[in-house]
C-alpha atoms as a PDB file:
ATOM      1  CA  UNK A   1      -0.527   0.180  -0.131  1.00  0.00           C
ATOM      2  CA  UNK A   2       1.104   3.342  -0.776  1.00  0.00           C
ATOM      3  CA  UNK A   3       0.537   6.729   1.124  1.00  0.00           C
ATOM      4  CA  UNK A   4       0.387  10.100   0.008  1.00  0.00           C
ATOM      5  CA  UNK A   5       0.324  13.338   1.812  1.00  0.00           C
ATOM      6  CA  UNK A   6      -2.289  15.853   0.457  1.00  0.00           C
ATOM      7  CA  UNK A   7      -3.645  19.368   1.537  1.00  0.00           C
ATOM      8  CA  UNK A   8      -7.146  19.935   0.012  1.00  0.00           C
ATOM      9  CA  UNK A   9      -8.123  23.757  -0.939  1.00  0.00           C
ATOM     10  CA  UNK A  10     -11.896  23.611  -0.817  1.00  0.00           C
ATOM     11  CA  UNK A  11     -14.296  26.184  -2.740  1.00  0.00           C
ATOM     12  CA  UNK A  12     -11.458  27.377  -5.474  1.00  0.00           C
ATOM     13  CA  UNK A  13     -11.998  28.819  -8.687  1.00  0.00           C
ATOM     14  CA  UNK A  14     -10.726  26.066 -10.386  1.00  0.00           C
ATOM     15  CA  UNK A  15      -9.754  22.513  -9.559  1.00  0.00           C
ATOM     16  CA  UNK A  16      -6.344  21.710 -10.263  1.00  0.00           C
ATOM     17  CA  UNK A  17      -3.514  20.073  -8.709  1.00  0.00           C
ATOM     18  CA  UNK A  18      -0.032  20.717  -7.609  1.00  0.00           C
ATOM     19  CA  UNK A  19       2.473  18.261  -7.071  1.00  0.00           C
ATOM     20  CA  UNK A  20       4.646  19.397  -4.022  1.00  0.00           C
ATOM     21  CA  UNK A  21       6.929  16.123  -3.835  1.00  0.00           C
ATOM     22  CA  UNK A  22       6.591  12.449  -4.855  1.00  0.00           C
ATOM     23  CA  UNK A  23       4.434  11.458  -2.004  1.00  0.00           C
ATOM     24  CA  UNK A  24       2.763  15.006  -1.469  1.00  0.00           C
ATOM     25  CA  UNK A  25      -0.021  16.967  -3.403  1.00  0.00           C
ATOM     26  CA  UNK A  26      -1.877  20.306  -3.166  1.00  0.00           C
ATOM     27  CA  UNK A  27      -5.114  20.249  -4.603  1.00  0.00           C
ATOM     28  CA  UNK A  28      -7.469  22.845  -5.312  1.00  0.00           C
ATOM     29  CA  UNK A  29     -11.184  21.764  -5.652  1.00  0.00           C
ATOM     30  CA  UNK A  30     -14.583  24.082  -6.723  1.00  0.00           C
ATOM     31  CA  UNK A  31     -16.711  22.171  -4.225  1.00  0.00           C
ATOM     32  CA  UNK A  32     -16.994  23.432  -0.694  1.00  0.00           C
ATOM     33  CA  UNK A  33     -16.171  21.296   2.496  1.00  0.00           C
ATOM     34  CA  UNK A  34     -19.811  19.974   3.107  1.00  0.00           C
ATOM     35  CA  UNK A  35     -20.956  16.928   3.712  1.00  0.00           C
ATOM     36  CA  UNK A  36     -18.062  15.413   2.094  1.00  0.00           C
ATOM     37  CA  UNK A  37     -18.085  17.043  -1.150  1.00  0.00           C
ATOM     38  CA  UNK A  38     -14.543  18.306  -1.219  1.00  0.00           C
ATOM     39  CA  UNK A  39     -13.364  15.139  -0.127  1.00  0.00           C
ATOM     40  CA  UNK A  40     -15.234  13.233  -2.989  1.00  0.00           C
ATOM     41  CA  UNK A  41     -13.690  15.705  -5.670  1.00  0.00           C
ATOM     42  CA  UNK A  42     -10.104  15.651  -4.403  1.00  0.00           C
ATOM     43  CA  UNK A  43     -10.131  11.850  -4.518  1.00  0.00           C
ATOM     44  CA  UNK A  44     -11.818  12.160  -8.233  1.00  0.00           C
ATOM     45  CA  UNK A  45      -9.061  14.827  -9.385  1.00  0.00           C
ATOM     46  CA  UNK A  46      -6.537  12.470  -8.055  1.00  0.00           C
ATOM     47  CA  UNK A  47      -7.123   9.046  -9.143  1.00  0.00           C
ATOM     48  CA  UNK A  48      -7.330  11.031 -12.564  1.00  0.00           C
ATOM     49  CA  UNK A  49      -4.071  12.462 -12.031  1.00  0.00           C
ATOM     50  CA  UNK A  50      -2.424   8.988 -10.887  1.00  0.00           C
ATOM     51  CA  UNK A  51      -4.451   6.981 -13.265  1.00  0.00           C
ATOM     52  CA  UNK A  52      -6.075   4.708 -11.169  1.00  0.00           C
ATOM     53  CA  UNK A  53      -9.971   3.913 -10.183  1.00  0.00           C
ATOM     54  CA  UNK A  54     -11.550   6.245  -7.434  1.00  0.00           C
ATOM     55  CA  UNK A  55     -12.449   2.990  -5.495  1.00  0.00           C
ATOM     56  CA  UNK A  56      -8.472   2.518  -4.861  1.00  0.00           C
ATOM     57  CA  UNK A  57      -8.024   5.322  -3.072  1.00  0.00           C
ATOM     58  CA  UNK A  58      -8.790   5.865   0.574  1.00  0.00           C
ATOM     59  CA  UNK A  59      -8.342   8.576   3.090  1.00  0.00           C
ATOM     60  CA  UNK A  60      -6.828   6.889   5.883  1.00  0.00           C
ATOM     61  CA  UNK A  61      -6.298  10.532   8.243  1.00  0.00           C
ATOM     62  CA  UNK A  62      -7.870  13.673   8.126  1.00  0.00           C
ATOM     63  CA  UNK A  63     -11.521  13.211   7.008  1.00  0.00           C
ATOM     64  CA  UNK A  64     -12.863  16.720   8.240  1.00  0.00           C
ATOM     65  CA  UNK A  65      -9.157  18.392   7.903  1.00  0.00           C
ATOM     66  CA  UNK A  66      -7.581  19.934   4.563  1.00  0.00           C
ATOM     67  CA  UNK A  67      -4.366  18.006   5.438  1.00  0.00           C
ATOM     68  CA  UNK A  68      -5.382  14.203   4.815  1.00  0.00           C
ATOM     69  CA  UNK A  69      -3.280  10.918   4.228  1.00  0.00           C
ATOM     70  CA  UNK A  70      -4.293   8.956   1.311  1.00  0.00           C
ATOM     71  CA  UNK A  71      -3.830   5.334   1.041  1.00  0.00           C
ATOM     72  CA  UNK A  72      -3.898   3.865  -2.663  1.00  0.00           C
ATOM     73  CA  UNK A  73      -4.851  -0.088  -2.631  1.00  0.00           C
END
C-alpha cells in the first residue's frame, strides 16, 4: 500500500493539482467542504492524475481536515 500526503483547498475558482514532492500534493477543488463534497472531488482529481480508479483511494487520516493521508490500494 502506498501513502500520499495531500492538502485540499475547497471552494477554489478552478480544480487543479500541484505536485509538491513524490508523495505530497496540493489539490484545489471547486466544491465546498460540506457533506464530504470536497473530499469526493479531491479523490476524483487525484485518481485521474494517478491513473487509478477512485475506488482504490482511501482517506486514512484527516477526513474533516484540509491535510489528509491517502492510501492507494
